[in-house]
Amino acid sequence: MNVCFSASRLMKVSEVRRLCKEMRENPALLLATELKAKEELYKHFLRKEKTVSA
């Protein structure tokens, strides 16, 4: 499974490796993380749309 992470802060290499290992070992955690990120993006998109149309 190919996964691409985007960090919102600087992370140590050990943190990135640990997160990648956790995601590889637990696909449900990957799915939950992905859904949370998509929810945040969608909320941001809706807020932006409301300010543009108003």
N, C-alpha and C. Protein backbone atom coordinates (compact mmCIF):
# COMPACT_ATOMS: atom_id res chain seq x y z
N MET A 1 0.85 -1.17 0.00
CA MET A 1 0.00 0.00 0.00
C MET A 1 0.89 1.23 0.00
N ASN A 2 0.67 2.14 -0.92
CA ASN A 2 1.43 3.38 -0.98
C ASN A 2 0.68 4.46 -0.23
N VAL A 3 1.40 5.17 0.63
CA VAL A 3 0.80 6.23 1.43
C VAL A 3 1.71 7.44 1.37
N CYS A 4 1.12 8.60 1.29
CA CYS A 4 1.89 9.84 1.27
C CYS A 4 1.46 10.68 2.46
N PHE A 5 2.42 11.07 3.28
CA PHE A 5 2.13 11.91 4.43
C PHE A 5 2.53 13.35 4.14
N SER A 6 1.81 14.25 4.72
CA SER A 6 2.15 15.67 4.66
C SER A 6 2.18 16.16 6.11
N ALA A 7 3.26 16.77 6.51
CA ALA A 7 3.40 17.20 7.90
C ALA A 7 3.03 18.67 8.05
N SER A 8 2.32 18.98 9.11
CA SER A 8 1.98 20.37 9.40
C SER A 8 3.02 21.01 10.31
N ARG A 9 3.99 20.22 10.70
CA ARG A 9 5.08 20.74 11.53
C ARG A 9 6.34 19.95 11.21
N LEU A 10 7.48 20.46 11.62
CA LEU A 10 8.72 19.72 11.42
C LEU A 10 8.73 18.53 12.36
N MET A 11 9.16 17.40 11.84
CA MET A 11 9.19 16.18 12.64
C MET A 11 10.58 15.57 12.57
N LYS A 12 10.97 14.90 13.64
CA LYS A 12 12.22 14.17 13.64
C LYS A 12 12.05 12.93 12.77
N VAL A 13 13.15 12.45 12.24
CA VAL A 13 13.11 11.24 11.40
C VAL A 13 12.54 10.08 12.19
N SER A 14 12.88 9.97 13.46
CA SER A 14 12.37 8.87 14.27
C SER A 14 10.85 8.92 14.40
N GLU A 15 10.29 10.14 14.47
CA GLU A 15 8.83 10.29 14.54
C GLU A 15 8.17 9.83 13.25
N VAL A 16 8.77 10.22 12.13
CA VAL A 16 8.21 9.84 10.83
C VAL A 16 8.26 8.33 10.67
N ARG A 17 9.39 7.71 11.02
CA ARG A 17 9.52 6.25 10.93
C ARG A 17 8.50 5.55 11.81
N ARG A 18 8.31 6.06 13.03
CA ARG A 18 7.35 5.45 13.95
C ARG A 18 5.94 5.53 13.39
N LEU A 19 5.57 6.72 12.87
CA LEU A 19 4.24 6.88 12.29
C LEU A 19 4.03 5.97 11.08
N CYS A 20 5.03 5.87 10.23
CA CYS A 20 4.92 5.00 9.05
C CYS A 20 4.76 3.54 9.47
N LYS A 21 5.51 3.14 10.48
CA LYS A 21 5.41 1.75 10.97
C LYS A 21 4.01 1.49 11.52
N GLU A 22 3.48 2.42 12.31
CA GLU A 22 2.13 2.26 12.88
C GLU A 22 1.09 2.15 11.77
N MET A 23 1.22 2.98 10.74
CA MET A 23 0.25 2.96 9.65
C MET A 23 0.32 1.67 8.85
N ARG A 24 1.53 1.16 8.64
CA ARG A 24 1.67 -0.11 7.90
C ARG A 24 1.07 -1.27 8.68
N GLU A 25 1.23 -1.23 10.00
CA GLU A 25 0.75 -2.33 10.83
C GLU A 25 -0.74 -2.26 11.12
N ASN A 26 -1.36 -1.09 10.96
CA ASN A 26 -2.75 -0.92 11.34
C ASN A 26 -3.50 -0.11 10.27
N PRO A 27 -4.03 -0.78 9.24
CA PRO A 27 -4.75 -0.06 8.17
C PRO A 27 -5.96 0.72 8.68
N ALA A 28 -6.59 0.28 9.75
CA ALA A 28 -7.74 1.00 10.30
C ALA A 28 -7.32 2.37 10.81
N LEU A 29 -6.14 2.45 11.41
CA LEU A 29 -5.61 3.72 11.89
C LEU A 29 -5.34 4.65 10.71
N LEU A 30 -4.83 4.10 9.62
CA LEU A 30 -4.60 4.89 8.42
C LEU A 30 -5.91 5.45 7.88
N LEU A 31 -6.92 4.62 7.84
CA LEU A 31 -8.24 5.06 7.35
C LEU A 31 -8.80 6.17 8.24
N ALA A 32 -8.71 6.00 9.55
CA ALA A 32 -9.22 7.01 10.47
C ALA A 32 -8.48 8.33 10.31
N THR A 33 -7.16 8.26 10.14
CA THR A 33 -6.36 9.46 9.95
C THR A 33 -6.73 10.16 8.65
N GLU A 34 -6.92 9.37 7.61
CA GLU A 34 -7.30 9.94 6.32
C GLU A 34 -8.67 10.62 6.38
N LEU A 35 -9.62 9.99 7.02
CA LEU A 35 -10.96 10.57 7.13
C LEU A 35 -10.94 11.87 7.93
N LYS A 36 -10.15 11.91 8.99
CA LYS A 36 -10.04 13.12 9.80
C LYS A 36 -9.43 14.25 8.98
N ALA A 37 -8.40 13.95 8.20
CA ALA A 37 -7.77 14.97 7.37
C ALA A 37 -8.74 15.49 6.31
N LYS A 38 -9.50 14.58 5.69
CA LYS A 38 -10.47 14.99 4.68
C LYS A 38 -11.57 15.84 5.29
N GLU A 39 -11.99 15.50 6.50
CA GLU A 39 -13.02 16.29 7.19
C GLU A 39 -12.53 17.72 7.43
N GLU A 40 -11.27 17.85 7.88
CA GLU A 40 -10.71 19.18 8.12
C GLU A 40 -10.62 19.98 6.82
N LEU A 41 -10.19 19.33 5.75
CA LEU A 41 -10.11 20.01 4.46
C LEU A 41 -11.49 20.46 3.98
N TYR A 42 -12.48 19.59 4.15
CA TYR A 42 -13.84 19.91 3.72
C TYR A 42 -14.40 21.10 4.51
N LYS A 43 -14.16 21.12 5.82
CA LYS A 43 -14.61 22.24 6.64
C LYS A 43 -13.94 23.54 6.19
N HIS A 44 -12.65 23.47 5.91
CA HIS A 44 -11.92 24.65 5.44
C HIS A 44 -12.48 25.11 4.09
N PHE A 45 -12.77 24.17 3.21
CA PHE A 45 -13.32 24.49 1.89
C PHE A 45 -14.68 25.16 2.03
N LEU A 46 -15.54 24.65 2.91
CA LEU A 46 -16.87 25.23 3.10
C LEU A 46 -16.78 26.65 3.64
N ARG A 47 -15.88 26.88 4.60
CA ARG A 47 -15.70 28.22 5.15
C ARG A 47 -15.24 29.18 4.05
N LYS A 48 -14.35 28.73 3.21
CA LYS A 48 -13.83 29.56 2.13
C LYS A 48 -14.93 29.88 1.12
N GLU A 49 -15.76 28.89 0.79
CA GLU A 49 -16.86 29.09 -0.15
C GLU A 49 -17.87 30.10 0.38
N LYS A 50 -18.15 30.04 1.68
CA LYS A 50 -19.12 30.97 2.27
C LYS A 50 -18.62 32.40 2.22
N THR A 51 -17.32 32.61 2.45
CA THR A 51 -16.78 33.97 2.42
C THR A 51 -16.71 34.51 1.00
N VAL A 52 -16.48 33.65 0.02
CA VAL A 52 -16.41 34.09 -1.37
C VAL A 52 -17.79 34.45 -1.90
N SER A 53 -18.81 33.64 -1.57
CA SER A 53 -20.15 33.89 -2.08
C SER A 53 -20.88 35.01 -1.35
N ALA A 54 -20.44 35.34 -0.16
CA ALA A 54 -21.13 36.39 0.63
C ALA A 54 -20.71 37.77 0.24
